[in-house]
Amino acid sequence: MNTTTNITRKQMLRGKVLILCYELKEVGAGVPLISMVLNKQNTICTEKEIADACYYLQGKKMIDFKSFCNKKADIKRDIAFITSDVIYVLEGTVVADGIMLG
């Protein structure tokens, strides 16, 4: 894949992750859930690509992670929640570099 296509794909994936996290704002979303939903929507991507997109968005302060664990089931998940700054990006009043919506 050439560089321009790769960059555009990452930007689109970040936008889709951001929109999905917004739609699930009350319950949050982990990387496996985001991956499953996006793959159902015909956005074929790996969990690593989604994790990279999430960490990029976290670096931009658009999402935060909260850790949840169930010791009985031996499950530990980092769940992504949107921050209040994201609303302006999703409304289109603020442009965020590196993120393509729509």
PDB file of N, CA and C in Angstrom:
ATOM      1  N   MET A   1       0.851  -1.173   0.000  1.00  0.00           N
ATOM      2  CA  MET A   1       0.000   0.000   0.000  1.00  0.00           C
ATOM      3  C   MET A   1       0.898   1.238   0.000  1.00  0.00           C
ATOM      4  N   ASN A   2       0.573   2.220  -0.829  1.00  0.00           N
ATOM      5  CA  ASN A   2       1.430   3.390  -0.862  1.00  0.00           C
ATOM      6  C   ASN A   2       1.179   4.286   0.352  1.00  0.00           C
ATOM      7  N   THR A   3       2.060   5.224   0.562  1.00  0.00           N
ATOM      8  CA  THR A   3       2.034   6.052   1.766  1.00  0.00           C
ATOM      9  C   THR A   3       0.758   6.872   1.885  1.00  0.00           C
ATOM     10  N   THR A   4       0.310   7.489   0.814  1.00  0.00           N
ATOM     11  CA  THR A   4      -0.896   8.321   0.860  1.00  0.00           C
ATOM     12  C   THR A   4      -2.120   7.489   1.213  1.00  0.00           C
ATOM     13  N   THR A   5      -2.242   6.324   0.617  1.00  0.00           N
ATOM     14  CA  THR A   5      -3.361   5.436   0.912  1.00  0.00           C
ATOM     15  C   THR A   5      -3.317   4.977   2.361  1.00  0.00           C
ATOM     16  N   ASN A   6      -2.142   4.663   2.849  1.00  0.00           N
ATOM     17  CA  ASN A   6      -1.974   4.208   4.227  1.00  0.00           C
ATOM     18  C   ASN A   6      -2.359   5.310   5.221  1.00  0.00           C
ATOM     19  N   ILE A   7      -1.930   6.531   4.950  1.00  0.00           N
ATOM     20  CA  ILE A   7      -2.264   7.661   5.829  1.00  0.00           C
ATOM     21  C   ILE A   7      -3.765   7.917   5.819  1.00  0.00           C
ATOM     22  N   THR A   8      -4.368   7.896   4.642  1.00  0.00           N
ATOM     23  CA  THR A   8      -5.817   8.120   4.523  1.00  0.00           C
ATOM     24  C   THR A   8      -6.589   7.032   5.253  1.00  0.00           C
ATOM     25  N   ARG A   9      -6.148   5.787   5.120  1.00  0.00           N
ATOM     26  CA  ARG A   9      -6.805   4.671   5.820  1.00  0.00           C
ATOM     27  C   ARG A   9      -6.752   4.871   7.330  1.00  0.00           C
ATOM     28  N   LYS A  10      -5.603   5.271   7.848  1.00  0.00           N
ATOM     29  CA  LYS A  10      -5.475   5.521   9.289  1.00  0.00           C
ATOM     30  C   LYS A  10      -6.386   6.652   9.746  1.00  0.00           C
ATOM     31  N   GLN A  11      -6.459   7.719   8.955  1.00  0.00           N
ATOM     32  CA  GLN A  11      -7.310   8.853   9.311  1.00  0.00           C
ATOM     33  C   GLN A  11      -8.780   8.458   9.318  1.00  0.00           C
ATOM     34  N   MET A  12      -9.191   7.663   8.336  1.00  0.00           N
ATOM     35  CA  MET A  12     -10.578   7.207   8.283  1.00  0.00           C
ATOM     36  C   MET A  12     -10.897   6.269   9.442  1.00  0.00           C
ATOM     37  N   LEU A  13      -9.959   5.390   9.771  1.00  0.00           N
ATOM     38  CA  LEU A  13     -10.159   4.460  10.877  1.00  0.00           C
ATOM     39  C   LEU A  13     -10.291   5.225  12.200  1.00  0.00           C
ATOM     40  N   ARG A  14      -9.457   6.236  12.396  1.00  0.00           N
ATOM     41  CA  ARG A  14      -9.550   7.052  13.614  1.00  0.00           C
ATOM     42  C   ARG A  14     -10.913   7.724  13.717  1.00  0.00           C
ATOM     43  N   GLY A  15     -11.417   8.229  12.594  1.00  0.00           N
ATOM     44  CA  GLY A  15     -12.733   8.853  12.577  1.00  0.00           C
ATOM     45  C   GLY A  15     -13.827   7.867  12.933  1.00  0.00           C
ATOM     46  N   LYS A  16     -13.752   6.661  12.380  1.00  0.00           N
ATOM     47  CA  LYS A  16     -14.758   5.644  12.675  1.00  0.00           C
ATOM     48  C   LYS A  16     -14.699   5.210  14.136  1.00  0.00           C
ATOM     49  N   VAL A  17     -13.502   5.091  14.684  1.00  0.00           N
ATOM     50  CA  VAL A  17     -13.354   4.744  16.105  1.00  0.00           C
ATOM     51  C   VAL A  17     -13.954   5.841  16.970  1.00  0.00           C
ATOM     52  N   LEU A  18     -13.683   7.075  16.621  1.00  0.00           N
ATOM     53  CA  LEU A  18     -14.203   8.211  17.386  1.00  0.00           C
ATOM     54  C   LEU A  18     -15.737   8.238  17.352  1.00  0.00           C
ATOM     55  N   ILE A  19     -16.314   8.036  16.192  1.00  0.00           N
ATOM     56  CA  ILE A  19     -17.773   8.026  16.063  1.00  0.00           C
ATOM     57  C   ILE A  19     -18.372   6.871  16.862  1.00  0.00           C
ATOM     58  N   LEU A  20     -17.755   5.712  16.792  1.00  0.00           N
ATOM     59  CA  LEU A  20     -18.260   4.561  17.540  1.00  0.00           C
ATOM     60  C   LEU A  20     -18.177   4.789  19.048  1.00  0.00           C
ATOM     61  N   CYS A  21     -17.077   5.367  19.500  1.00  0.00           N
ATOM     62  CA  CYS A  21     -16.944   5.675  20.929  1.00  0.00           C
ATOM     63  C   CYS A  21     -17.998   6.698  21.357  1.00  0.00           C
ATOM     64  N   TYR A  22     -18.334   7.623  20.466  1.00  0.00           N
ATOM     65  CA  TYR A  22     -19.382   8.590  20.766  1.00  0.00           C
ATOM     66  C   TYR A  22     -20.734   7.886  20.883  1.00  0.00           C
ATOM     67  N   GLU A  23     -21.006   6.968  19.966  1.00  0.00           N
ATOM     68  CA  GLU A  23     -22.274   6.240  20.002  1.00  0.00           C
ATOM     69  C   GLU A  23     -22.397   5.378  21.254  1.00  0.00           C
ATOM     70  N   LEU A  24     -21.276   4.918  21.781  1.00  0.00           N
ATOM     71  CA  LEU A  24     -21.271   4.073  22.977  1.00  0.00           C
ATOM     72  C   LEU A  24     -20.792   4.845  24.207  1.00  0.00           C
ATOM     73  N   LYS A  25     -21.045   6.148  24.210  1.00  0.00           N
ATOM     74  CA  LYS A  25     -20.454   7.020  25.233  1.00  0.00           C
ATOM     75  C   LYS A  25     -20.816   6.641  26.663  1.00  0.00           C
ATOM     76  N   GLU A  26     -21.997   6.072  26.894  1.00  0.00           N
ATOM     77  CA  GLU A  26     -22.366   5.730  28.265  1.00  0.00           C
ATOM     78  C   GLU A  26     -21.660   4.477  28.773  1.00  0.00           C
ATOM     79  N   VAL A  27     -21.409   3.523  27.885  1.00  0.00           N
ATOM     80  CA  VAL A  27     -20.821   2.258  28.317  1.00  0.00           C
ATOM     81  C   VAL A  27     -19.359   2.107  27.917  1.00  0.00           C
ATOM     82  N   GLY A  28     -18.908   2.924  26.966  1.00  0.00           N
ATOM     83  CA  GLY A  28     -17.529   2.821  26.505  1.00  0.00           C
ATOM     84  C   GLY A  28     -17.358   1.643  25.559  1.00  0.00           C
ATOM     85  N   ALA A  29     -16.165   1.505  25.046  1.00  0.00           N
ATOM     86  CA  ALA A  29     -15.885   0.433  24.091  1.00  0.00           C
ATOM     87  C   ALA A  29     -14.437   0.001  24.205  1.00  0.00           C
ATOM     88  N   GLY A  30     -14.228  -1.288  24.258  1.00  0.00           N
ATOM     89  CA  GLY A  30     -12.884  -1.845  24.251  1.00  0.00           C
ATOM     90  C   GLY A  30     -12.450  -2.142  22.824  1.00  0.00           C
ATOM     91  N   VAL A  31     -11.182  -2.362  22.639  1.00  0.00           N
ATOM     92  CA  VAL A  31     -10.630  -2.632  21.306  1.00  0.00           C
ATOM     93  C   VAL A  31     -11.301  -3.846  20.652  1.00  0.00           C
ATOM     94  N   PRO A  32     -11.535  -4.960  21.375  1.00  0.00           N
ATOM     95  CA  PRO A  32     -12.197  -6.101  20.713  1.00  0.00           C
ATOM     96  C   PRO A  32     -13.606  -5.759  20.210  1.00  0.00           C
ATOM     97  N   LEU A  33     -14.357  -4.990  20.986  1.00  0.00           N
ATOM     98  CA  LEU A  33     -15.704  -4.600  20.574  1.00  0.00           C
ATOM     99  C   LEU A  33     -15.647  -3.671  19.359  1.00  0.00           C
ATOM    100  N   ILE A  34     -14.770  -2.698  19.398  1.00  0.00           N
ATOM    101  CA  ILE A  34     -14.623  -1.770  18.271  1.00  0.00           C
ATOM    102  C   ILE A  34     -14.259  -2.552  17.012  1.00  0.00           C
ATOM    103  N   SER A  35     -13.340  -3.487  17.136  1.00  0.00           N
ATOM    104  CA  SER A  35     -12.916  -4.299  16.000  1.00  0.00           C
ATOM    105  C   SER A  35     -14.081  -5.100  15.439  1.00  0.00           C
ATOM    106  N   MET A  36     -14.858  -5.718  16.319  1.00  0.00           N
ATOM    107  CA  MET A  36     -15.985  -6.531  15.878  1.00  0.00           C
ATOM    108  C   MET A  36     -17.029  -5.682  15.143  1.00  0.00           C
ATOM    109  N   VAL A  37     -17.360  -4.519  15.706  1.00  0.00           N
ATOM    110  CA  VAL A  37     -18.368  -3.653  15.088  1.00  0.00           C
ATOM    111  C   VAL A  37     -17.876  -3.132  13.733  1.00  0.00           C
ATOM    112  N   LEU A  38     -16.655  -2.658  13.673  1.00  0.00           N
ATOM    113  CA  LEU A  38     -16.136  -2.117  12.414  1.00  0.00           C
ATOM    114  C   LEU A  38     -16.035  -3.195  11.338  1.00  0.00           C
ATOM    115  N   ASN A  39     -15.636  -4.395  11.723  1.00  0.00           N
ATOM    116  CA  ASN A  39     -15.572  -5.478  10.748  1.00  0.00           C
ATOM    117  C   ASN A  39     -16.962  -5.852  10.243  1.00  0.00           C
ATOM    118  N   LYS A  40     -17.976  -5.765  11.110  1.00  0.00           N
ATOM    119  CA  LYS A  40     -19.363  -5.996  10.684  1.00  0.00           C
ATOM    120  C   LYS A  40     -19.825  -4.915   9.706  1.00  0.00           C
ATOM    121  N   GLN A  41     -19.255  -3.709   9.841  1.00  0.00           N
ATOM    122  CA  GLN A  41     -19.587  -2.599   8.950  1.00  0.00           C
ATOM    123  C   GLN A  41     -18.700  -2.593   7.703  1.00  0.00           C
ATOM    124  N   ASN A  42     -18.020  -3.701   7.451  1.00  0.00           N
ATOM    125  CA  ASN A  42     -17.136  -3.863   6.292  1.00  0.00           C
ATOM    126  C   ASN A  42     -15.915  -2.955   6.311  1.00  0.00           C
ATOM    127  N   THR A  43     -15.484  -2.565   7.496  1.00  0.00           N
ATOM    128  CA  THR A  43     -14.210  -1.877   7.647  1.00  0.00           C
ATOM    129  C   THR A  43     -13.232  -2.931   8.169  1.00  0.00           C
ATOM    130  N   ILE A  44     -12.533  -3.564   7.270  1.00  0.00           N
ATOM    131  CA  ILE A  44     -11.654  -4.662   7.636  1.00  0.00           C
ATOM    132  C   ILE A  44     -10.371  -4.094   8.236  1.00  0.00           C
ATOM    133  N   CYS A  45     -10.133  -4.446   9.501  1.00  0.00           N
ATOM    134  CA  CYS A  45      -8.944  -3.952  10.187  1.00  0.00           C
ATOM    135  C   CYS A  45      -8.590  -4.915  11.315  1.00  0.00           C
ATOM    136  N   THR A  46      -7.372  -4.824  11.755  1.00  0.00           N
ATOM    137  CA  THR A  46      -6.910  -5.682  12.841  1.00  0.00           C
ATOM    138  C   THR A  46      -7.101  -4.970  14.178  1.00  0.00           C
ATOM    139  N   GLU A  47      -7.038  -5.751  15.252  1.00  0.00           N
ATOM    140  CA  GLU A  47      -7.133  -5.149  16.583  1.00  0.00           C
ATOM    141  C   GLU A  47      -5.941  -4.236  16.849  1.00  0.00           C
ATOM    142  N   LYS A  48      -4.780  -4.548  16.272  1.00  0.00           N
ATOM    143  CA  LYS A  48      -3.617  -3.683  16.447  1.00  0.00           C
ATOM    144  C   LYS A  48      -3.847  -2.322  15.796  1.00  0.00           C
ATOM    145  N   GLU A  49      -4.437  -2.313  14.608  1.00  0.00           N
ATOM    146  CA  GLU A  49      -4.738  -1.042  13.936  1.00  0.00           C
ATOM    147  C   GLU A  49      -5.717  -0.219  14.779  1.00  0.00           C
ATOM    148  N   ILE A  50      -6.689  -0.884  15.377  1.00  0.00           N
ATOM    149  CA  ILE A  50      -7.662  -0.175  16.209  1.00  0.00           C
ATOM    150  C   ILE A  50      -6.998   0.330  17.480  1.00  0.00           C
ATOM    151  N   ALA A  51      -6.147  -0.488  18.077  1.00  0.00           N
ATOM    152  CA  ALA A  51      -5.425  -0.053  19.276  1.00  0.00           C
ATOM    153  C   ALA A  51      -4.553   1.161  18.951  1.00  0.00           C
ATOM    154  N   ASP A  52      -3.882   1.136  17.809  1.00  0.00           N
ATOM    155  CA  ASP A  52      -3.064   2.280  17.387  1.00  0.00           C
ATOM    156  C   ASP A  52      -3.921   3.532  17.221  1.00  0.00           C
ATOM    157  N   ALA A  53      -5.103   3.368  16.603  1.00  0.00           N
ATOM    158  CA  ALA A  53      -6.016   4.505  16.428  1.00  0.00           C
ATOM    159  C   ALA A  53      -6.476   5.039  17.783  1.00  0.00           C
ATOM    160  N   CYS A  54      -6.781   4.134  18.704  1.00  0.00           N
ATOM    161  CA  CYS A  54      -7.225   4.546  20.043  1.00  0.00           C
ATOM    162  C   CYS A  54      -6.121   5.302  20.775  1.00  0.00           C
ATOM    163  N   TYR A  55      -4.898   4.818  20.700  1.00  0.00           N
ATOM    164  CA  TYR A  55      -3.798   5.498  21.393  1.00  0.00           C
ATOM    165  C   TYR A  55      -3.495   6.847  20.749  1.00  0.00           C
ATOM    166  N   TYR A  56      -3.688   6.944  19.441  1.00  0.00           N
ATOM    167  CA  TYR A  56      -3.537   8.234  18.764  1.00  0.00           C
ATOM    168  C   TYR A  56      -4.591   9.210  19.299  1.00  0.00           C
ATOM    169  N   LEU A  57      -5.833   8.754  19.370  1.00  0.00           N
ATOM    170  CA  LEU A  57      -6.923   9.603  19.872  1.00  0.00           C
ATOM    171  C   LEU A  57      -6.725   9.957  21.345  1.00  0.00           C
ATOM    172  N   GLN A  58      -6.162   9.038  22.090  1.00  0.00           N
ATOM    173  CA  GLN A  58      -5.863   9.333  23.497  1.00  0.00           C
ATOM    174  C   GLN A  58      -4.791  10.422  23.586  1.00  0.00           C
ATOM    175  N   GLY A  59      -3.803  10.345  22.721  1.00  0.00           N
ATOM    176  CA  GLY A  59      -2.757  11.367  22.685  1.00  0.00           C
ATOM    177  C   GLY A  59      -3.296  12.745  22.318  1.00  0.00           C
ATOM    178  N   LYS A  60      -4.358  12.767  21.514  1.00  0.00           N
ATOM    179  CA  LYS A  60      -5.017  14.026  21.134  1.00  0.00           C
ATOM    180  C   LYS A  60      -6.053  14.458  22.177  1.00  0.00           C
ATOM    181  N   LYS A  61      -6.155  13.688  23.263  1.00  0.00           N
ATOM    182  CA  LYS A  61      -7.099  13.958  24.361  1.00  0.00           C
ATOM    183  C   LYS A  61      -8.551  13.919  23.889  1.00  0.00           C
ATOM    184  N   MET A  62      -8.835  13.000  22.968  1.00  0.00           N
ATOM    185  CA  MET A  62     -10.204  12.835  22.481  1.00  0.00           C
ATOM    186  C   MET A  62     -10.900  11.657  23.128  1.00  0.00           C
ATOM    187  N   ILE A  63     -10.110  10.687  23.593  1.00  0.00           N
ATOM    188  CA  ILE A  63     -10.666   9.592  24.367  1.00  0.00           C
ATOM    189  C   ILE A  63      -9.759   9.343  25.571  1.00  0.00           C
ATOM    190  N   ASP A  64     -10.354   8.782  26.595  1.00  0.00           N
ATOM    191  CA  ASP A  64      -9.625   8.341  27.781  1.00  0.00           C
ATOM    192  C   ASP A  64      -9.908   6.865  27.980  1.00  0.00           C
ATOM    193  N   PHE A  65      -8.986   6.185  28.601  1.00  0.00           N
ATOM    194  CA  PHE A  65      -9.183   4.773  28.921  1.00  0.00           C
ATOM    195  C   PHE A  65      -9.421   4.607  30.410  1.00  0.00           C
ATOM    196  N   LYS A  66     -10.342   3.722  30.737  1.00  0.00           N
ATOM    197  CA  LYS A  66     -10.551   3.299  32.116  1.00  0.00           C
ATOM    198  C   LYS A  66     -10.353   1.795  32.142  1.00  0.00           C
ATOM    199  N   SER A  67      -9.637   1.315  33.139  1.00  0.00           N
ATOM    200  CA  SER A  67      -9.389  -0.121  33.253  1.00  0.00           C
ATOM    201  C   SER A  67     -10.456  -0.778  34.112  1.00  0.00           C
ATOM    202  N   PHE A  68     -10.966  -1.886  33.629  1.00  0.00           N
ATOM    203  CA  PHE A  68     -11.940  -2.686  34.360  1.00  0.00           C
ATOM    204  C   PHE A  68     -11.420  -4.110  34.396  1.00  0.00           C
ATOM    205  N   CYS A  69     -11.617  -4.769  35.530  1.00  0.00           N
ATOM    206  CA  CYS A  69     -11.184  -6.156  35.604  1.00  0.00           C
ATOM    207  C   CYS A  69     -12.195  -6.988  36.390  1.00  0.00           C
ATOM    208  N   ASN A  70     -12.252  -8.246  36.030  1.00  0.00           N
ATOM    209  CA  ASN A  70     -13.057  -9.232  36.717  1.00  0.00           C
ATOM    210  C   ASN A  70     -12.096 -10.341  37.115  1.00  0.00           C
ATOM    211  N   LYS A  71     -11.743 -10.369  38.384  1.00  0.00           N
ATOM    212  CA  LYS A  71     -10.736 -11.329  38.832  1.00  0.00           C
ATOM    213  C   LYS A  71     -11.238 -12.763  38.756  1.00  0.00           C
ATOM    214  N   LYS A  72     -12.531 -12.971  38.995  1.00  0.00           N
ATOM    215  CA  LYS A  72     -13.071 -14.332  38.928  1.00  0.00           C
ATOM    216  C   LYS A  72     -12.968 -14.896  37.515  1.00  0.00           C
ATOM    217  N   ALA A  73     -13.267 -14.076  36.539  1.00  0.00           N
ATOM    218  CA  ALA A  73     -13.209 -14.528  35.145  1.00  0.00           C
ATOM    219  C   ALA A  73     -11.835 -14.281  34.519  1.00  0.00           C
ATOM    220  N   ASP A  74     -10.924 -13.681  35.274  1.00  0.00           N
ATOM    221  CA  ASP A  74      -9.575 -13.366  34.808  1.00  0.00           C
ATOM    222  C   ASP A  74      -9.613 -12.523  33.529  1.00  0.00           C
ATOM    223  N   ILE A  75     -10.428 -11.446  33.576  1.00  0.00           N
ATOM    224  CA  ILE A  75     -10.574 -10.545  32.436  1.00  0.00           C
ATOM    225  C   ILE A  75     -10.146  -9.146  32.855  1.00  0.00           C
ATOM    226  N   LYS A  76      -9.300  -8.538  32.039  1.00  0.00           N
ATOM    227  CA  LYS A  76      -8.907  -7.142  32.247  1.00  0.00           C
ATOM    228  C   LYS A  76      -9.063  -6.428  30.916  1.00  0.00           C
ATOM    229  N   ARG A  77      -9.820  -5.350  30.927  1.00  0.00           N
ATOM    230  CA  ARG A  77     -10.064  -4.594  29.704  1.00  0.00           C
ATOM    231  C   ARG A  77      -9.819  -3.114  29.941  1.00  0.00           C
ATOM    232  N   ASP A  78      -9.261  -2.473  28.937  1.00  0.00           N
ATOM    233  CA  ASP A  78      -9.175  -1.020  28.924  1.00  0.00           C
ATOM    234  C   ASP A  78     -10.305  -0.547  28.024  1.00  0.00           C
ATOM    235  N   ILE A  79     -11.214   0.244  28.600  1.00  0.00           N
ATOM    236  CA  ILE A  79     -12.400   0.699  27.885  1.00  0.00           C
ATOM    237  C   ILE A  79     -12.229   2.171  27.534  1.00  0.00           C
ATOM    238  N   ALA A  80     -12.489   2.503  26.269  1.00  0.00           N
ATOM    239  CA  ALA A  80     -12.337   3.872  25.771  1.00  0.00           C
ATOM    240  C   ALA A  80     -13.637   4.648  25.958  1.00  0.00           C
ATOM    241  N   PHE A  81     -13.520   5.848  26.486  1.00  0.00           N
ATOM    242  CA  PHE A  81     -14.629   6.784  26.638  1.00  0.00           C
ATOM    243  C   PHE A  81     -14.215   8.096  25.979  1.00  0.00           C
ATOM    244  N   ILE A  82     -15.166   8.763  25.333  1.00  0.00           N
ATOM    245  CA  ILE A  82     -14.845  10.037  24.700  1.00  0.00           C
ATOM    246  C   ILE A  82     -14.699  11.130  25.751  1.00  0.00           C
ATOM    247  N   THR A  83     -13.976  12.164  25.411  1.00  0.00           N
ATOM    248  CA  THR A  83     -13.843  13.332  26.275  1.00  0.00           C
ATOM    249  C   THR A  83     -14.802  14.418  25.781  1.00  0.00           C
ATOM    250  N   SER A  84     -14.968  15.439  26.555  1.00  0.00           N
ATOM    251  CA  SER A  84     -15.916  16.505  26.195  1.00  0.00           C
ATOM    252  C   SER A  84     -15.465  17.296  24.962  1.00  0.00           C
ATOM    253  N   ASP A  85     -14.190  17.306  24.669  1.00  0.00           N
ATOM    254  CA  ASP A  85     -13.682  18.055  23.512  1.00  0.00           C
ATOM    255  C   ASP A  85     -14.124  17.468  22.169  1.00  0.00           C
ATOM    256  N   VAL A  86     -14.519  16.218  22.168  1.00  0.00           N
ATOM    257  CA  VAL A  86     -14.844  15.521  20.928  1.00  0.00           C
ATOM    258  C   VAL A  86     -16.111  16.056  20.272  1.00  0.00           C
ATOM    259  N   ILE A  87     -17.026  16.558  21.045  1.00  0.00           N
ATOM    260  CA  ILE A  87     -18.307  17.030  20.512  1.00  0.00           C
ATOM    261  C   ILE A  87     -18.076  18.053  19.403  1.00  0.00           C
ATOM    262  N   TYR A  88     -17.162  18.978  19.617  1.00  0.00           N
ATOM    263  CA  TYR A  88     -16.894  20.023  18.624  1.00  0.00           C
ATOM    264  C   TYR A  88     -16.301  19.445  17.344  1.00  0.00           C
ATOM    265  N   VAL A  89     -15.491  18.415  17.480  1.00  0.00           N
ATOM    266  CA  VAL A  89     -14.908  17.759  16.305  1.00  0.00           C
ATOM    267  C   VAL A  89     -15.998  17.035  15.524  1.00  0.00           C
ATOM    268  N   LEU A  90     -16.861  16.303  16.239  1.00  0.00           N
ATOM    269  CA  LEU A  90     -17.924  15.550  15.575  1.00  0.00           C
ATOM    270  C   LEU A  90     -18.967  16.460  14.936  1.00  0.00           C
ATOM    271  N   GLU A  91     -19.200  17.637  15.537  1.00  0.00           N
ATOM    272  CA  GLU A  91     -20.133  18.600  14.951  1.00  0.00           C
ATOM    273  C   GLU A  91     -19.534  19.305  13.739  1.00  0.00           C
ATOM    274  N   GLY A  92     -18.220  19.274  13.630  1.00  0.00           N
ATOM    275  CA  GLY A  92     -17.544  19.924  12.521  1.00  0.00           C
ATOM    276  C   GLY A  92     -17.163  21.364  12.789  1.00  0.00           C
ATOM    277  N   THR A  93     -17.332  21.827  14.038  1.00  0.00           N
ATOM    278  CA  THR A  93     -16.953  23.206  14.351  1.00  0.00           C
ATOM    279  C   THR A  93     -15.459  23.340  14.605  1.00  0.00           C
ATOM    280  N   VAL A  94     -14.802  22.231  14.906  1.00  0.00           N
ATOM    281  CA  VAL A  94     -13.352  22.211  15.097  1.00  0.00           C
ATOM    282  C   VAL A  94     -12.788  21.104  14.212  1.00  0.00           C
ATOM    283  N   VAL A  95     -11.732  21.420  13.490  1.00  0.00           N
ATOM    284  CA  VAL A  95     -11.078  20.430  12.634  1.00  0.00           C
ATOM    285  C   VAL A  95      -9.936  19.800  13.407  1.00  0.00           C
ATOM    286  N   ALA A  96      -9.880  18.487  13.393  1.00  0.00           N
ATOM    287  CA  ALA A  96      -8.806  17.772  14.077  1.00  0.00           C
ATOM    288  C   ALA A  96      -7.874  17.163  13.035  1.00  0.00           C
ATOM    289  N   ASP A  97      -6.605  17.499  13.122  1.00  0.00           N
ATOM    290  CA  ASP A  97      -5.616  16.936  12.199  1.00  0.00           C
ATOM    291  C   ASP A  97      -5.499  15.426  12.423  1.00  0.00           C
ATOM    292  N   GLY A  98      -5.368  14.694  11.341  1.00  0.00           N
ATOM    293  CA  GLY A  98      -5.141  13.262  11.435  1.00  0.00           C
ATOM    294  C   GLY A  98      -6.400  12.428  11.603  1.00  0.00           C
ATOM    295  N   ILE A  99      -7.581  13.080  11.527  1.00  0.00           N
ATOM    296  CA  ILE A  99      -8.846  12.371  11.698  1.00  0.00           C
ATOM    297  C   ILE A  99      -9.771  12.752  10.552  1.00  0.00           C
ATOM    298  N   MET A 100     -10.330  11.743   9.907  1.00  0.00           N
ATOM    299  CA  MET A 100     -11.253  11.982   8.800  1.00  0.00           C
ATOM    300  C   MET A 100     -12.622  11.428   9.188  1.00  0.00           C
ATOM    301  N   LEU A 101     -13.605  12.304   9.247  1.00  0.00           N
ATOM    302  CA  LEU A 101     -14.963  11.885   9.577  1.00  0.00           C
ATOM    303  C   LEU A 101     -15.789  11.751   8.305  1.00  0.00           C
ATOM    304  N   GLY A 102     -16.733  10.815   8.336  1.00  0.00           N
ATOM    305  CA  GLY A 102     -17.666  10.685   7.210  1.00  0.00           C
ATOM    306  C   GLY A 102     -17.286   9.751   6.197  1.00  0.00           C
TER     307      GLY A 102
END
